[in-house]
C-alpha cells in the first residue's frame, strides 16, 4: 500500500527537480488543479490514472520510486531510453526480399510460412476441465513473486 505522506514528499521532489509549482504540474500532466491540491494536502490518495500520467509526461520518474521509494530519481539514462523504445515488430516471413513498400512480392507455392510461438504461449500448460487449480504464482522482473491460493 502506498504511504500517502511519503508519496507527497516524492511528488514534491519531482516538482522541485522540474522547477514547477503544483498548478503548472497539474496542467502538464492533464489533471485538475484541485485534485493536485487535495493530493498534496493529504486529503486524497493518488489514483492509478494520476500516477500513469506522471509516468507518460516525465519518463525519468521511476514507477517503483514514486510509489514505494525504491529505485532512483531521476532514472539512469539507460532505463529512460529503454522505457521509451518502440517495440520491434516480428515479420511473418523473414525470407522475403527487401524492397520498397510498393514492390511486388513473389511467393513460391512450395514455400511454407513459418510461424513463431511467443515464449509466453510456449511455456503454458493446457488445462483440462478435470484439472483443479492449486496455486497462482506471479513472478516479477525484480526477482520477487506472489503466490495466491484459491
Protein backbone atom coordinates (compact mmCIF):
# COMPACT_ATOMS: atom_id res chain seq x y z
CA UNK A 1 0.00 0.00 0.00
CA UNK A 2 1.25 3.47 -0.85
CA UNK A 3 2.06 5.68 2.13
CA UNK A 4 0.40 9.00 1.21
CA UNK A 5 2.84 11.14 3.22
CA UNK A 6 5.87 9.56 1.56
CA UNK A 7 4.22 9.81 -1.86
CA UNK A 8 3.62 13.54 -1.34
CA UNK A 9 7.28 14.02 -0.35
CA UNK A 10 8.42 12.26 -3.54
CA UNK A 11 5.94 14.31 -5.58
CA UNK A 12 7.42 17.50 -4.07
CA UNK A 13 10.89 16.28 -5.07
CA UNK A 14 9.65 15.98 -8.66
CA UNK A 15 8.16 19.48 -8.50
CA UNK A 16 11.48 20.89 -7.23
CA UNK A 17 13.50 18.96 -9.80
CA UNK A 18 11.49 20.38 -12.72
CA UNK A 19 11.06 23.80 -11.04
CA UNK A 20 7.26 23.58 -11.29
CA UNK A 21 4.55 24.69 -8.91
CA UNK A 22 1.53 22.49 -8.21
CA UNK A 23 -0.78 24.18 -10.71
CA UNK A 24 1.69 24.07 -13.60
CA UNK A 25 2.46 20.42 -12.79
CA UNK A 26 -1.27 19.64 -12.85
CA UNK A 27 -1.59 21.38 -16.21
CA UNK A 28 1.40 19.47 -17.64
CA UNK A 29 0.03 16.04 -16.72
CA UNK A 30 -3.56 16.94 -17.58
CA UNK A 31 -5.32 16.76 -14.21
CA UNK A 32 -7.41 19.32 -12.40
CA UNK A 33 -5.54 21.70 -10.15
CA UNK A 34 -7.92 20.92 -7.30
CA UNK A 35 -7.03 17.21 -7.45
CA UNK A 36 -3.36 18.14 -7.18
CA UNK A 37 -4.14 20.37 -4.18
CA UNK A 38 -6.15 17.62 -2.48
CA UNK A 39 -3.34 15.17 -3.07
CA UNK A 40 -0.62 17.46 -1.69
CA UNK A 41 -2.70 18.23 1.40
CA UNK A 42 -3.14 14.52 2.10
CA UNK A 43 -6.91 14.65 1.63
CA UNK A 44 -6.90 12.25 -1.35
CA UNK A 45 -4.73 9.32 -2.36
CA UNK A 46 -3.19 9.17 -5.83
CA UNK A 47 -5.17 7.22 -8.41
CA UNK A 48 -3.60 4.84 -10.89
CA UNK A 49 -4.55 7.28 -13.66
CA UNK A 50 -2.69 10.09 -11.86
CA UNK A 51 0.47 8.01 -11.48
CA UNK A 52 0.33 6.83 -15.11
CA UNK A 53 0.02 10.42 -16.34
CA UNK A 54 3.17 11.31 -14.39
CA UNK A 55 4.95 8.36 -16.00
CA UNK A 56 3.86 9.44 -19.50
CA UNK A 57 4.89 13.09 -19.19
CA UNK A 58 8.05 12.58 -17.13
CA UNK A 59 9.82 9.42 -18.38
CA UNK A 60 12.72 9.75 -15.94
CA UNK A 61 10.39 9.16 -12.96
CA UNK A 62 10.72 5.55 -11.85
CA UNK A 63 7.39 3.84 -11.08
CA UNK A 64 8.73 1.94 -8.06
CA UNK A 65 10.39 5.07 -6.75
CA UNK A 66 7.25 7.24 -6.95
CA UNK A 67 5.07 4.53 -5.35
CA UNK A 68 7.39 2.90 -2.80
CA UNK A 69 10.56 4.97 -2.62
CA UNK A 70 12.60 2.09 -4.06
CA UNK A 71 14.80 2.82 -7.03
CA UNK A 72 16.20 6.18 -8.01
CA UNK A 73 15.12 9.55 -9.28
CA UNK A 74 15.90 10.54 -11.93
CA UNK A 75 16.23 7.18 -13.68
CA UNK A 76 19.56 6.18 -15.19
CA UNK A 77 19.84 7.25 -18.83
CA UNK A 78 19.79 3.58 -19.94
CA UNK A 79 16.49 2.95 -18.13
CA UNK A 80 14.88 6.06 -19.66
CA UNK A 81 15.93 5.16 -23.21
CA UNK A 82 14.65 1.59 -22.81
CA UNK A 83 11.29 2.76 -21.45
CA UNK A 84 10.58 4.93 -24.50
CA UNK A 85 11.73 2.50 -27.19
CA UNK A 86 9.08 1.32 -29.61
CA UNK A 87 8.61 -2.45 -29.79
CA UNK A 88 10.14 -4.09 -32.83
CA UNK A 89 7.60 -5.97 -34.93
CA UNK A 90 8.27 -9.57 -35.90
CA UNK A 91 7.86 -10.29 -39.59
CA UNK A 92 5.64 -13.22 -40.52
CA UNK A 93 8.19 -14.42 -43.07
CA UNK A 94 11.79 -13.31 -42.73
CA UNK A 95 12.79 -14.86 -46.08
CA UNK A 96 11.12 -12.06 -48.04
CA UNK A 97 13.33 -9.93 -50.24
CA UNK A 98 13.77 -6.39 -49.03
CA UNK A 99 12.28 -3.71 -51.21
CA UNK A 100 10.09 -0.67 -51.03
CA UNK A 101 6.53 -0.82 -49.76
CA UNK A 102 5.05 -0.99 -53.25
CA UNK A 103 7.24 -3.66 -54.80
CA UNK A 104 5.54 -6.92 -55.70
CA UNK A 105 6.40 -9.95 -53.64
CA UNK A 106 6.52 -13.30 -55.42
CA UNK A 107 5.85 -16.33 -53.25
CA UNK A 108 6.75 -19.87 -54.21
CA UNK A 109 3.84 -22.24 -53.80
CA UNK A 110 6.09 -24.85 -52.19
CA UNK A 111 7.45 -22.40 -49.62
CA UNK A 112 5.73 -22.74 -46.28
CA UNK A 113 5.31 -19.79 -43.98
CA UNK A 114 6.93 -20.46 -40.65
CA UNK A 115 5.06 -19.28 -37.61
CA UNK A 116 6.67 -18.42 -34.32
CA UNK A 117 5.24 -19.28 -30.98
CA UNK A 118 5.69 -16.46 -28.49
CA UNK A 119 7.58 -17.57 -25.36
CA UNK A 120 4.55 -16.74 -23.21
CA UNK A 121 2.46 -19.34 -25.05
CA UNK A 122 5.27 -21.89 -25.37
CA UNK A 123 5.64 -22.26 -21.61
CA UNK A 124 1.95 -22.64 -20.82
CA UNK A 125 0.44 -25.98 -19.93
CA UNK A 126 -3.01 -26.73 -21.26
CA UNK A 127 -5.57 -27.21 -18.51
CA UNK A 128 -8.42 -29.64 -18.94
CA UNK A 129 -11.79 -29.33 -17.25
CA UNK A 130 -10.86 -32.11 -14.83
CA UNK A 131 -7.82 -30.21 -13.55
CA UNK A 132 -8.10 -28.44 -10.22
CA UNK A 133 -6.25 -25.20 -9.58
CA UNK A 134 -3.77 -25.43 -6.74
CA UNK A 135 -1.96 -22.10 -6.81
CA UNK A 136 -1.39 -18.98 -8.93
CA UNK A 137 2.16 -17.61 -8.87
CA UNK A 138 3.10 -14.23 -10.39
CA UNK A 139 6.81 -13.61 -10.99
CA UNK A 140 8.14 -10.06 -11.23
CA UNK A 141 11.23 -8.93 -13.12
CA UNK A 142 12.94 -7.81 -9.90
CA UNK A 143 13.04 -11.43 -8.71
CA UNK A 144 10.10 -11.29 -6.31
CA UNK A 145 6.89 -13.24 -6.63
CA UNK A 146 3.42 -13.53 -5.13
CA UNK A 147 1.51 -16.75 -4.66
CA UNK A 148 -2.27 -16.90 -4.47
CA UNK A 149 -4.13 -19.97 -3.25
CA UNK A 150 -7.84 -20.07 -4.21
